[in-house]
């Protein structure tokens, strides 16, 4: 995961931006991506259109207003 590699350089991740490509993901996959991001100090997440509405909603629940 790119976030894990970036955290090796600086543990404070200011922004994760882009598409997550989870449009057709099931609930388990969506929970997995949210859980995978949880350990990192991410200030903001800006998902693109290909993230999918369900994943966008899960990220919004986890991180507040995106």
PDB file of N, CA and C in Angstrom:
ATOM      1  N   UNK A   1       0.841  -1.169   0.000  1.00  0.00           N
ATOM      2  CA  UNK A   1       0.000   0.000   0.000  1.00  0.00           C
ATOM      3  C   UNK A   1       0.895   1.244   0.000  1.00  0.00           C
ATOM      4  N   UNK A   2       0.545   2.211  -0.802  1.00  0.00           N
ATOM      5  CA  UNK A   2       1.330   3.439  -0.939  1.00  0.00           C
ATOM      6  C   UNK A   2       1.406   4.196   0.385  1.00  0.00           C
ATOM      7  N   UNK A   3       0.331   4.214   1.153  1.00  0.00           N
ATOM      8  CA  UNK A   3       0.332   4.923   2.437  1.00  0.00           C
ATOM      9  C   UNK A   3       1.380   4.331   3.373  1.00  0.00           C
ATOM     10  N   UNK A   4       1.510   3.031   3.392  1.00  0.00           N
ATOM     11  CA  UNK A   4       2.507   2.379   4.250  1.00  0.00           C
ATOM     12  C   UNK A   4       3.917   2.790   3.842  1.00  0.00           C
ATOM     13  N   UNK A   5       4.170   2.884   2.551  1.00  0.00           N
ATOM     14  CA  UNK A   5       5.491   3.293   2.075  1.00  0.00           C
ATOM     15  C   UNK A   5       5.754   4.762   2.403  1.00  0.00           C
ATOM     16  N   UNK A   6       4.751   5.613   2.245  1.00  0.00           N
ATOM     17  CA  UNK A   6       4.903   7.033   2.572  1.00  0.00           C
ATOM     18  C   UNK A   6       5.152   7.221   4.066  1.00  0.00           C
ATOM     19  N   UNK A   7       4.504   6.418   4.894  1.00  0.00           N
ATOM     20  CA  UNK A   7       4.661   6.530   6.349  1.00  0.00           C
ATOM     21  C   UNK A   7       6.075   6.182   6.796  1.00  0.00           C
ATOM     22  N   UNK A   8       6.803   5.424   5.983  1.00  0.00           N
ATOM     23  CA  UNK A   8       8.198   5.134   6.303  1.00  0.00           C
ATOM     24  C   UNK A   8       9.059   6.403   6.222  1.00  0.00           C
ATOM     25  N   UNK A   9       8.645   7.346   5.381  1.00  0.00           N
ATOM     26  CA  UNK A   9       9.368   8.608   5.227  1.00  0.00           C
ATOM     27  C   UNK A   9       8.926   9.643   6.252  1.00  0.00           C
ATOM     28  N   UNK A  10       7.620   9.670   6.514  1.00  0.00           N
ATOM     29  CA  UNK A  10       7.053  10.626   7.468  1.00  0.00           C
ATOM     30  C   UNK A  10       5.750  10.023   7.978  1.00  0.00           C
ATOM     31  N   UNK A  11       5.660   9.789   9.265  1.00  0.00           N
ATOM     32  CA  UNK A  11       4.485   9.103   9.812  1.00  0.00           C
ATOM     33  C   UNK A  11       3.220   9.949   9.802  1.00  0.00           C
ATOM     34  N   UNK A  12       3.337  11.268   9.627  1.00  0.00           N
ATOM     35  CA  UNK A  12       2.160  12.138   9.537  1.00  0.00           C
ATOM     36  C   UNK A  12       1.780  12.288   8.071  1.00  0.00           C
ATOM     37  N   UNK A  13       0.755  11.562   7.657  1.00  0.00           N
ATOM     38  CA  UNK A  13       0.280  11.616   6.275  1.00  0.00           C
ATOM     39  C   UNK A  13      -0.768  12.722   6.196  1.00  0.00           C
ATOM     40  N   UNK A  14      -0.450  13.787   5.486  1.00  0.00           N
ATOM     41  CA  UNK A  14      -1.360  14.929   5.418  1.00  0.00           C
ATOM     42  C   UNK A  14      -2.581  14.638   4.543  1.00  0.00           C
ATOM     43  N   UNK A  15      -2.368  14.015   3.380  1.00  0.00           N
ATOM     44  CA  UNK A  15      -3.461  13.848   2.433  1.00  0.00           C
ATOM     45  C   UNK A  15      -3.314  12.549   1.651  1.00  0.00           C
ATOM     46  N   UNK A  16      -4.400  11.807   1.568  1.00  0.00           N
ATOM     47  CA  UNK A  16      -4.493  10.656   0.671  1.00  0.00           C
ATOM     48  C   UNK A  16      -5.528  11.056  -0.376  1.00  0.00           C
ATOM     49  N   UNK A  17      -5.105  11.095  -1.627  1.00  0.00           N
ATOM     50  CA  UNK A  17      -5.978  11.574  -2.700  1.00  0.00           C
ATOM     51  C   UNK A  17      -5.975  10.586  -3.854  1.00  0.00           C
ATOM     52  N   UNK A  18      -7.118  10.439  -4.475  1.00  0.00           N
ATOM     53  CA  UNK A  18      -7.201   9.595  -5.661  1.00  0.00           C
ATOM     54  C   UNK A  18      -8.326   8.593  -5.570  1.00  0.00           C
ATOM     55  N   UNK A  19      -8.406   7.780  -6.576  1.00  0.00           N
ATOM     56  CA  UNK A  19      -9.456   6.765  -6.625  1.00  0.00           C
ATOM     57  C   UNK A  19      -9.026   5.488  -5.948  1.00  0.00           C
ATOM     58  N   UNK A  20      -9.922   4.901  -5.210  1.00  0.00           N
ATOM     59  CA  UNK A  20      -9.635   3.650  -4.526  1.00  0.00           C
ATOM     60  C   UNK A  20     -10.044   2.442  -5.373  1.00  0.00           C
ATOM     61  N   UNK A  21     -10.778   2.669  -6.459  1.00  0.00           N
ATOM     62  CA  UNK A  21     -11.217   1.602  -7.370  1.00  0.00           C
ATOM     63  C   UNK A  21     -11.993   0.516  -6.628  1.00  0.00           C
ATOM     64  N   UNK A  22     -12.912   0.945  -5.785  1.00  0.00           N
ATOM     65  CA  UNK A  22     -13.738   0.026  -5.004  1.00  0.00           C
ATOM     66  C   UNK A  22     -15.218   0.144  -5.374  1.00  0.00           C
ATOM     67  N   UNK A  23     -15.498   0.535  -6.608  1.00  0.00           N
ATOM     68  CA  UNK A  23     -16.884   0.722  -7.047  1.00  0.00           C
ATOM     69  C   UNK A  23     -17.712  -0.537  -6.836  1.00  0.00           C
ATOM     70  N   UNK A  24     -17.160  -1.684  -7.168  1.00  0.00           N
ATOM     71  CA  UNK A  24     -17.900  -2.945  -7.061  1.00  0.00           C
ATOM     72  C   UNK A  24     -17.482  -3.791  -5.857  1.00  0.00           C
ATOM     73  N   UNK A  25     -16.805  -3.177  -4.893  1.00  0.00           N
ATOM     74  CA  UNK A  25     -16.299  -3.918  -3.738  1.00  0.00           C
ATOM     75  C   UNK A  25     -17.434  -4.337  -2.809  1.00  0.00           C
ATOM     76  N   UNK A  26     -17.242  -5.498  -2.177  1.00  0.00           N
ATOM     77  CA  UNK A  26     -18.220  -5.943  -1.190  1.00  0.00           C
ATOM     78  C   UNK A  26     -17.893  -5.330   0.179  1.00  0.00           C
ATOM     79  N   UNK A  27     -18.778  -5.544   1.140  1.00  0.00           N
ATOM     80  CA  UNK A  27     -18.620  -4.925   2.461  1.00  0.00           C
ATOM     81  C   UNK A  27     -17.310  -5.315   3.142  1.00  0.00           C
ATOM     82  N   UNK A  28     -16.900  -6.563   2.973  1.00  0.00           N
ATOM     83  CA  UNK A  28     -15.661  -7.025   3.609  1.00  0.00           C
ATOM     84  C   UNK A  28     -14.443  -6.301   3.029  1.00  0.00           C
ATOM     85  N   UNK A  29     -14.412  -6.107   1.721  1.00  0.00           N
ATOM     86  CA  UNK A  29     -13.296  -5.400   1.086  1.00  0.00           C
ATOM     87  C   UNK A  29     -13.266  -3.939   1.516  1.00  0.00           C
ATOM     88  N   UNK A  30     -14.436  -3.335   1.594  1.00  0.00           N
ATOM     89  CA  UNK A  30     -14.515  -1.930   2.021  1.00  0.00           C
ATOM     90  C   UNK A  30     -14.024  -1.798   3.457  1.00  0.00           C
ATOM     91  N   UNK A  31     -14.484  -2.670   4.331  1.00  0.00           N
ATOM     92  CA  UNK A  31     -14.021  -2.638   5.722  1.00  0.00           C
ATOM     93  C   UNK A  31     -12.514  -2.860   5.787  1.00  0.00           C
ATOM     94  N   UNK A  32     -12.000  -3.702   4.906  1.00  0.00           N
ATOM     95  CA  UNK A  32     -10.568  -3.971   4.880  1.00  0.00           C
ATOM     96  C   UNK A  32      -9.744  -2.748   4.537  1.00  0.00           C
ATOM     97  N   UNK A  33     -10.184  -1.957   3.568  1.00  0.00           N
ATOM     98  CA  UNK A  33      -9.422  -0.759   3.194  1.00  0.00           C
ATOM     99  C   UNK A  33      -9.502   0.291   4.301  1.00  0.00           C
ATOM    100  N   UNK A  34     -10.655   0.430   4.922  1.00  0.00           N
ATOM    101  CA  UNK A  34     -10.792   1.380   6.029  1.00  0.00           C
ATOM    102  C   UNK A  34      -9.901   0.942   7.196  1.00  0.00           C
ATOM    103  N   UNK A  35      -9.920  -0.331   7.509  1.00  0.00           N
ATOM    104  CA  UNK A  35      -9.086  -0.862   8.588  1.00  0.00           C
ATOM    105  C   UNK A  35      -7.598  -0.721   8.279  1.00  0.00           C
ATOM    106  N   UNK A  36      -7.226  -0.909   7.019  1.00  0.00           N
ATOM    107  CA  UNK A  36      -5.817  -0.801   6.630  1.00  0.00           C
ATOM    108  C   UNK A  36      -5.285   0.624   6.784  1.00  0.00           C
ATOM    109  N   UNK A  37      -6.147   1.611   6.626  1.00  0.00           N
ATOM    110  CA  UNK A  37      -5.733   3.013   6.756  1.00  0.00           C
ATOM    111  C   UNK A  37      -5.731   3.489   8.207  1.00  0.00           C
ATOM    112  N   UNK A  38      -6.451   2.805   9.064  1.00  0.00           N
ATOM    113  CA  UNK A  38      -6.652   3.236  10.457  1.00  0.00           C
ATOM    114  C   UNK A  38      -5.360   3.467  11.245  1.00  0.00           C
ATOM    115  N   UNK A  39      -4.313   2.669  11.095  1.00  0.00           N
ATOM    116  CA  UNK A  39      -3.110   2.868  11.915  1.00  0.00           C
ATOM    117  C   UNK A  39      -2.312   4.138  11.586  1.00  0.00           C
ATOM    118  N   UNK A  40      -2.612   4.761  10.467  1.00  0.00           N
ATOM    119  CA  UNK A  40      -1.804   5.896  10.021  1.00  0.00           C
ATOM    120  C   UNK A  40      -2.416   7.227  10.440  1.00  0.00           C
ATOM    121  N   UNK A  41      -1.556   8.210  10.680  1.00  0.00           N
ATOM    122  CA  UNK A  41      -2.002   9.554  11.057  1.00  0.00           C
ATOM    123  C   UNK A  41      -2.343  10.316   9.786  1.00  0.00           C
ATOM    124  N   UNK A  42      -3.541  10.090   9.265  1.00  0.00           N
ATOM    125  CA  UNK A  42      -3.987  10.721   8.023  1.00  0.00           C
ATOM    126  C   UNK A  42      -4.862  11.913   8.377  1.00  0.00           C
ATOM    127  N   UNK A  43      -4.460  13.087   7.874  1.00  0.00           N
ATOM    128  CA  UNK A  43      -5.221  14.304   8.159  1.00  0.00           C
ATOM    129  C   UNK A  43      -6.473  14.415   7.286  1.00  0.00           C
ATOM    130  N   UNK A  44      -6.329  14.145   6.005  1.00  0.00           N
ATOM    131  CA  UNK A  44      -7.434  14.300   5.054  1.00  0.00           C
ATOM    132  C   UNK A  44      -7.423  13.165   4.043  1.00  0.00           C
ATOM    133  N   UNK A  45      -8.619  12.762   3.607  1.00  0.00           N
ATOM    134  CA  UNK A  45      -8.761  11.784   2.532  1.00  0.00           C
ATOM    135  C   UNK A  45      -9.671  12.399   1.480  1.00  0.00           C
ATOM    136  N   UNK A  46      -9.225  12.343   0.223  1.00  0.00           N
ATOM    137  CA  UNK A  46      -9.999  12.889  -0.892  1.00  0.00           C
ATOM    138  C   UNK A  46     -10.181  11.794  -1.943  1.00  0.00           C
ATOM    139  N   UNK A  47     -11.200  10.950  -1.776  1.00  0.00           N
ATOM    140  CA  UNK A  47     -11.408   9.856  -2.723  1.00  0.00           C
ATOM    141  C   UNK A  47     -11.994  10.360  -4.038  1.00  0.00           C
ATOM    142  N   UNK A  48     -11.567   9.736  -5.131  1.00  0.00           N
ATOM    143  CA  UNK A  48     -12.091  10.069  -6.447  1.00  0.00           C
ATOM    144  C   UNK A  48     -13.365   9.309  -6.760  1.00  0.00           C
ATOM    145  N   UNK A  49     -13.923   9.588  -7.945  1.00  0.00           N
ATOM    146  CA  UNK A  49     -15.205   9.000  -8.329  1.00  0.00           C
ATOM    147  C   UNK A  49     -15.184   7.480  -8.397  1.00  0.00           C
ATOM    148  N   UNK A  50     -14.041   6.886  -8.711  1.00  0.00           N
ATOM    149  CA  UNK A  50     -13.984   5.425  -8.843  1.00  0.00           C
ATOM    150  C   UNK A  50     -13.880   4.715  -7.488  1.00  0.00           C
ATOM    151  N   UNK A  51     -13.941   5.480  -6.425  1.00  0.00           N
ATOM    152  CA  UNK A  51     -13.924   4.889  -5.085  1.00  0.00           C
ATOM    153  C   UNK A  51     -15.238   4.156  -4.818  1.00  0.00           C
ATOM    154  N   UNK A  52     -16.319   4.653  -5.343  1.00  0.00           N
ATOM    155  CA  UNK A  52     -17.638   4.062  -5.140  1.00  0.00           C
ATOM    156  C   UNK A  52     -18.338   4.679  -3.942  1.00  0.00           C
ATOM    157  N   UNK A  53     -19.648   4.755  -4.035  1.00  0.00           N
ATOM    158  CA  UNK A  53     -20.444   5.420  -2.999  1.00  0.00           C
ATOM    159  C   UNK A  53     -20.346   4.722  -1.646  1.00  0.00           C
ATOM    160  N   UNK A  54     -20.372   3.397  -1.633  1.00  0.00           N
ATOM    161  CA  UNK A  54     -20.317   2.675  -0.355  1.00  0.00           C
ATOM    162  C   UNK A  54     -18.968   2.873   0.328  1.00  0.00           C
ATOM    163  N   UNK A  55     -17.880   2.858  -0.439  1.00  0.00           N
ATOM    164  CA  UNK A  55     -16.552   3.071   0.141  1.00  0.00           C
ATOM    165  C   UNK A  55     -16.404   4.514   0.587  1.00  0.00           C
ATOM    166  N   UNK A  56     -16.908   5.451  -0.213  1.00  0.00           N
ATOM    167  CA  UNK A  56     -16.885   6.861   0.177  1.00  0.00           C
ATOM    168  C   UNK A  56     -17.600   7.043   1.508  1.00  0.00           C
ATOM    169  N   UNK A  57     -18.755   6.433   1.661  1.00  0.00           N
ATOM    170  CA  UNK A  57     -19.527   6.546   2.905  1.00  0.00           C
ATOM    171  C   UNK A  57     -18.761   5.936   4.086  1.00  0.00           C
ATOM    172  N   UNK A  58     -18.109   4.806   3.869  1.00  0.00           N
ATOM    173  CA  UNK A  58     -17.337   4.161   4.944  1.00  0.00           C
ATOM    174  C   UNK A  58     -16.156   5.036   5.348  1.00  0.00           C
ATOM    175  N   UNK A  59     -15.480   5.638   4.381  1.00  0.00           N
ATOM    176  CA  UNK A  59     -14.362   6.544   4.681  1.00  0.00           C
ATOM    177  C   UNK A  59     -14.864   7.786   5.420  1.00  0.00           C
ATOM    178  N   UNK A  60     -16.030   8.281   5.023  1.00  0.00           N
ATOM    179  CA  UNK A  60     -16.598   9.445   5.687  1.00  0.00           C
ATOM    180  C   UNK A  60     -16.954   9.131   7.138  1.00  0.00           C
ATOM    181  N   UNK A  61     -17.484   7.940   7.390  1.00  0.00           N
ATOM    182  CA  UNK A  61     -17.777   7.537   8.774  1.00  0.00           C
ATOM    183  C   UNK A  61     -16.492   7.460   9.589  1.00  0.00           C
ATOM    184  N   UNK A  62     -15.429   6.957   8.969  1.00  0.00           N
ATOM    185  CA  UNK A  62     -14.166   6.773   9.685  1.00  0.00           C
ATOM    186  C   UNK A  62     -13.407   8.073   9.889  1.00  0.00           C
ATOM    187  N   UNK A  63     -13.495   9.000   8.929  1.00  0.00           N
ATOM    188  CA  UNK A  63     -12.672  10.209   8.966  1.00  0.00           C
ATOM    189  C   UNK A  63     -13.460  11.507   9.029  1.00  0.00           C
ATOM    190  N   UNK A  64     -14.768  11.432   9.095  1.00  0.00           N
ATOM    191  CA  UNK A  64     -15.565  12.658   9.133  1.00  0.00           C
ATOM    192  C   UNK A  64     -15.698  13.250   7.738  1.00  0.00           C
ATOM    193  N   UNK A  65     -15.946  14.534   7.686  1.00  0.00           N
ATOM    194  CA  UNK A  65     -16.112  15.207   6.391  1.00  0.00           C
ATOM    195  C   UNK A  65     -14.860  15.052   5.562  1.00  0.00           C
ATOM    196  N   UNK A  66     -15.040  14.620   4.321  1.00  0.00           N
ATOM    197  CA  UNK A  66     -13.920  14.410   3.428  1.00  0.00           C
ATOM    198  C   UNK A  66     -13.676  15.637   2.578  1.00  0.00           C
TER     199      UNK A  66
END
